[in-house]
Amino acid sequence: MANTIDKIPEKTRWEIATKGLTGAYIAISGKGAKEFANTLGIAAENAEDIEGVTHLLAQASMGPEFVFEVVEATNDRCVGKTTQCPRHKRWKEQGIDFNTCGVGHQRWGDGAVESLNPNFTFRLTKNMVAGDSHCEWVVERKK
């Protein structure tokens, strides 16, 4: 899935990036994730599918500065990890001293996962802005 970004036409990537930027990251709800996945013909049936779509959507909407990794993947649970993130880079560059990502990232993940498959949840478990060495989240089937 990591090289899939090249399959999205450049014009489409710029349209996504522009909408993401002008919408401001707090306003981005992730709710367009299902339309994004459908347009590209990407499945969102299990936890790993959903995690993959959220990676791709984040990279398409916020650029190539992301470094993602899947730490654990089953049909019911997938753990994703980011060690480099454009939000975190801007946070450091601008010397911000408050958590700009926690709530925004959680809400974006909630919206994206709900849009993709309402049988799953999204939970941010680690956050670089809060001092963790990386960001981590869990996509999990509702019990």
C-alpha atoms as a PDB file:
ATOM      1  CA  MET A   1       0.000   0.000   0.000  1.00  0.00           C
ATOM      2  CA  ALA A   2       2.964   2.349   0.595  1.00  0.00           C
ATOM      3  CA  ASN A   3       3.592   3.004  -3.128  1.00  0.00           C
ATOM      4  CA  THR A   4      -0.088   3.326  -3.972  1.00  0.00           C
ATOM      5  CA  ILE A   5       0.105   7.143  -3.788  1.00  0.00           C
ATOM      6  CA  ASP A   6       1.698   7.106  -7.253  1.00  0.00           C
ATOM      7  CA  LYS A   7      -1.477   5.543  -8.672  1.00  0.00           C
ATOM      8  CA  ILE A   8      -3.504   8.627  -7.751  1.00  0.00           C
ATOM      9  CA  PRO A   9      -3.280  11.168 -10.574  1.00  0.00           C
ATOM     10  CA  GLU A  10      -1.317  14.289  -9.634  1.00  0.00           C
ATOM     11  CA  LYS A  11      -4.325  16.524 -10.316  1.00  0.00           C
ATOM     12  CA  THR A  12      -6.430  14.475  -7.877  1.00  0.00           C
ATOM     13  CA  ARG A  13      -3.697  14.608  -5.211  1.00  0.00           C
ATOM     14  CA  TRP A  14      -3.517  18.418  -5.533  1.00  0.00           C
ATOM     15  CA  GLU A  15      -7.307  18.708  -5.319  1.00  0.00           C
ATOM     16  CA  ILE A  16      -7.298  16.618  -2.134  1.00  0.00           C
ATOM     17  CA  ALA A  17      -4.375  18.579  -0.668  1.00  0.00           C
ATOM     18  CA  THR A  18      -6.005  21.920  -1.451  1.00  0.00           C
ATOM     19  CA  LYS A  19      -9.322  20.909   0.081  1.00  0.00           C
ATOM     20  CA  GLY A  20      -7.497  19.589   3.147  1.00  0.00           C
ATOM     21  CA  LEU A  21      -5.464  22.753   3.579  1.00  0.00           C
ATOM     22  CA  THR A  22      -8.268  25.193   3.029  1.00  0.00           C
ATOM     23  CA  GLY A  23     -10.591  23.226   5.287  1.00  0.00           C
ATOM     24  CA  ALA A  24      -8.126  23.500   8.179  1.00  0.00           C
ATOM     25  CA  TYR A  25      -7.114  20.326   9.914  1.00  0.00           C
ATOM     26  CA  ILE A  26      -9.586  20.676  12.768  1.00  0.00           C
ATOM     27  CA  ALA A  27     -12.452  20.932  10.303  1.00  0.00           C
ATOM     28  CA  ILE A  28     -11.339  17.834   8.421  1.00  0.00           C
ATOM     29  CA  SER A  29     -13.636  15.120   9.719  1.00  0.00           C
ATOM     30  CA  GLY A  30     -12.407  12.194   7.633  1.00  0.00           C
ATOM     31  CA  LYS A  31     -16.005  11.537   6.599  1.00  0.00           C
ATOM     32  CA  GLY A  32     -15.090  11.628   2.904  1.00  0.00           C
ATOM     33  CA  ALA A  33     -12.966   8.495   3.323  1.00  0.00           C
ATOM     34  CA  LYS A  34     -15.608   6.140   1.903  1.00  0.00           C
ATOM     35  CA  GLU A  35     -16.020   8.214  -1.266  1.00  0.00           C
ATOM     36  CA  PHE A  36     -12.212   8.365  -1.578  1.00  0.00           C
ATOM     37  CA  ALA A  37     -11.918   4.567  -1.243  1.00  0.00           C
ATOM     38  CA  ASN A  38     -14.800   3.922  -3.635  1.00  0.00           C
ATOM     39  CA  THR A  39     -13.364   6.285  -6.250  1.00  0.00           C
ATOM     40  CA  LEU A  40     -10.080   4.379  -6.168  1.00  0.00           C
ATOM     41  CA  GLY A  41     -11.719   0.934  -5.927  1.00  0.00           C
ATOM     42  CA  ILE A  42     -10.160   0.169  -2.537  1.00  0.00           C
ATOM     43  CA  ALA A  43     -11.957  -2.224  -0.185  1.00  0.00           C
ATOM     44  CA  ALA A  44     -12.743  -1.332   3.439  1.00  0.00           C
ATOM     45  CA  GLU A  45     -13.968  -4.693   4.685  1.00  0.00           C
ATOM     46  CA  ASN A  46     -11.545  -5.478   7.510  1.00  0.00           C
ATOM     47  CA  ALA A  47      -9.268  -3.639   9.938  1.00  0.00           C
ATOM     48  CA  GLU A  48      -6.206  -3.838   7.702  1.00  0.00           C
ATOM     49  CA  ASP A  49      -8.145  -2.492   4.692  1.00  0.00           C
ATOM     50  CA  ILE A  50      -9.469   0.410   6.751  1.00  0.00           C
ATOM     51  CA  GLU A  51      -6.043   1.219   8.161  1.00  0.00           C
ATOM     52  CA  GLY A  52      -4.593   1.172   4.631  1.00  0.00           C
ATOM     53  CA  VAL A  53      -7.213   3.589   3.327  1.00  0.00           C
ATOM     54  CA  THR A  54      -6.617   5.983   6.223  1.00  0.00           C
ATOM     55  CA  HIS A  55      -2.857   5.904   5.514  1.00  0.00           C
ATOM     56  CA  LEU A  56      -3.423   6.646   1.871  1.00  0.00           C
ATOM     57  CA  LEU A  57      -5.991   9.367   2.525  1.00  0.00           C
ATOM     58  CA  ALA A  58      -3.712  11.055   5.070  1.00  0.00           C
ATOM     59  CA  GLN A  59      -0.770  10.967   2.671  1.00  0.00           C
ATOM     60  CA  ALA A  60      -2.877  12.174  -0.263  1.00  0.00           C
ATOM     61  CA  SER A  61      -4.385  15.021   1.756  1.00  0.00           C
ATOM     62  CA  MET A  62      -1.328  16.102   3.755  1.00  0.00           C
ATOM     63  CA  GLY A  63       1.641  15.144   1.622  1.00  0.00           C
ATOM     64  CA  PRO A  64       4.590  12.768   1.459  1.00  0.00           C
ATOM     65  CA  GLU A  65       6.207  13.685   4.786  1.00  0.00           C
ATOM     66  CA  PHE A  66       4.406  10.814   6.496  1.00  0.00           C
ATOM     67  CA  VAL A  67       6.246   7.610   7.377  1.00  0.00           C
ATOM     68  CA  PHE A  68       3.685   4.898   8.193  1.00  0.00           C
ATOM     69  CA  GLU A  69       4.081   1.346   9.358  1.00  0.00           C
ATOM     70  CA  VAL A  70       1.590  -1.386  10.193  1.00  0.00           C
ATOM     71  CA  VAL A  71       2.615  -2.924  13.507  1.00  0.00           C
ATOM     72  CA  GLU A  72      -0.137  -5.531  13.803  1.00  0.00           C
ATOM     73  CA  ALA A  73      -2.796  -6.637  11.344  1.00  0.00           C
ATOM     74  CA  THR A  74      -5.697  -9.076  11.540  1.00  0.00           C
ATOM     75  CA  ASN A  75      -9.205  -8.900  10.105  1.00  0.00           C
ATOM     76  CA  ASP A  76     -10.498  -7.524  13.423  1.00  0.00           C
ATOM     77  CA  ARG A  77      -7.631  -5.308  14.607  1.00  0.00           C
ATOM     78  CA  CYS A  78      -4.879  -3.274  12.995  1.00  0.00           C
ATOM     79  CA  VAL A  79      -2.284  -1.105  14.714  1.00  0.00           C
ATOM     80  CA  GLY A  80      -0.683   1.705  12.716  1.00  0.00           C
ATOM     81  CA  LYS A  81       2.398   3.720  13.598  1.00  0.00           C
ATOM     82  CA  THR A  82       3.815   7.018  12.323  1.00  0.00           C
ATOM     83  CA  THR A  83       7.357   8.115  13.033  1.00  0.00           C
ATOM     84  CA  GLN A  84       7.317  11.170  10.759  1.00  0.00           C
ATOM     85  CA  CYS A  85       4.309  13.420  10.280  1.00  0.00           C
ATOM     86  CA  PRO A  86       3.818  16.835   8.639  1.00  0.00           C
ATOM     87  CA  ARG A  87       1.625  18.008  11.538  1.00  0.00           C
ATOM     88  CA  HIS A  88       4.337  17.126  14.038  1.00  0.00           C
ATOM     89  CA  LYS A  89       7.021  18.759  11.874  1.00  0.00           C
ATOM     90  CA  ARG A  90       5.031  22.018  11.658  1.00  0.00           C
ATOM     91  CA  TRP A  91       4.407  21.839  15.424  1.00  0.00           C
ATOM     92  CA  LYS A  92       8.157  21.620  16.070  1.00  0.00           C
ATOM     93  CA  GLU A  93       9.075  24.240  13.443  1.00  0.00           C
ATOM     94  CA  GLN A  94       6.627  26.742  14.906  1.00  0.00           C
ATOM     95  CA  GLY A  95       7.617  26.050  18.517  1.00  0.00           C
ATOM     96  CA  ILE A  96       4.070  25.332  19.624  1.00  0.00           C
ATOM     97  CA  ASP A  97       3.784  24.209  23.236  1.00  0.00           C
ATOM     98  CA  PHE A  98       0.259  22.745  23.309  1.00  0.00           C
ATOM     99  CA  ASN A  99      -1.193  19.534  21.902  1.00  0.00           C
ATOM    100  CA  THR A 100      -2.420  20.402  18.422  1.00  0.00           C
ATOM    101  CA  CYS A 101      -2.916  16.800  17.328  1.00  0.00           C
ATOM    102  CA  GLY A 102      -4.594  14.694  19.999  1.00  0.00           C
ATOM    103  CA  VAL A 103      -8.223  15.718  19.574  1.00  0.00           C
ATOM    104  CA  GLY A 104      -7.902  16.553  15.869  1.00  0.00           C
ATOM    105  CA  HIS A 105      -6.266  13.230  15.013  1.00  0.00           C
ATOM    106  CA  GLN A 106      -8.798  11.290  17.080  1.00  0.00           C
ATOM    107  CA  ARG A 107     -11.758  13.066  15.472  1.00  0.00           C
ATOM    108  CA  TRP A 108     -10.312  12.651  11.974  1.00  0.00           C
ATOM    109  CA  GLY A 109      -9.799   8.931  12.626  1.00  0.00           C
ATOM    110  CA  ASP A 110     -13.296   8.602  14.091  1.00  0.00           C
ATOM    111  CA  GLY A 111     -14.824  10.216  11.011  1.00  0.00           C
ATOM    112  CA  ALA A 112     -12.735   8.260   8.503  1.00  0.00           C
ATOM    113  CA  VAL A 113     -13.334   4.872  10.100  1.00  0.00           C
ATOM    114  CA  GLU A 114     -17.047   5.507  10.624  1.00  0.00           C
ATOM    115  CA  SER A 115     -17.317   6.518   6.962  1.00  0.00           C
ATOM    116  CA  LEU A 116     -15.381   3.487   5.724  1.00  0.00           C
ATOM    117  CA  ASN A 117     -17.025   0.826   7.859  1.00  0.00           C
ATOM    118  CA  PRO A 118     -19.243   1.600  10.869  1.00  0.00           C
ATOM    119  CA  ASN A 119     -18.457  -1.834  12.323  1.00  0.00           C
ATOM    120  CA  PHE A 120     -15.003  -0.554  13.342  1.00  0.00           C
ATOM    121  CA  THR A 121     -13.583   2.046  15.728  1.00  0.00           C
ATOM    122  CA  PHE A 122     -10.466   4.231  15.729  1.00  0.00           C
ATOM    123  CA  ARG A 123      -8.419   4.965  18.846  1.00  0.00           C
ATOM    124  CA  LEU A 124      -5.301   7.154  19.037  1.00  0.00           C
ATOM    125  CA  THR A 125      -3.029   5.468  21.593  1.00  0.00           C
ATOM    126  CA  LYS A 126       0.255   7.401  21.252  1.00  0.00           C
ATOM    127  CA  ASN A 127       0.986  10.958  20.137  1.00  0.00           C
ATOM    128  CA  MET A 128       4.376  12.516  19.304  1.00  0.00           C
ATOM    129  CA  VAL A 129       3.106  15.977  20.222  1.00  0.00           C
ATOM    130  CA  ALA A 130       2.333  14.643  23.701  1.00  0.00           C
ATOM    131  CA  GLY A 131       5.914  13.341  24.032  1.00  0.00           C
ATOM    132  CA  ASP A 132       5.657   9.807  22.653  1.00  0.00           C
ATOM    133  CA  SER A 133       8.397   8.627  20.271  1.00  0.00           C
ATOM    134  CA  HIS A 134       5.762   7.969  17.602  1.00  0.00           C
ATOM    135  CA  CYS A 135       2.034   8.209  16.970  1.00  0.00           C
ATOM    136  CA  GLU A 136       0.036   5.009  17.144  1.00  0.00           C
ATOM    137  CA  TRP A 137      -3.603   4.149  16.596  1.00  0.00           C
ATOM    138  CA  VAL A 138      -5.791   1.092  16.631  1.00  0.00           C
ATOM    139  CA  VAL A 139      -8.555   0.260  14.149  1.00  0.00           C
ATOM    140  CA  GLU A 140     -10.684  -2.412  15.759  1.00  0.00           C
ATOM    141  CA  ARG A 141     -13.939  -4.229  15.094  1.00  0.00           C
ATOM    142  CA  LYS A 142     -16.688  -3.159  17.478  1.00  0.00           C
ATOM    143  CA  LYS A 143     -17.468  -5.791  20.078  1.00  0.00           C
END
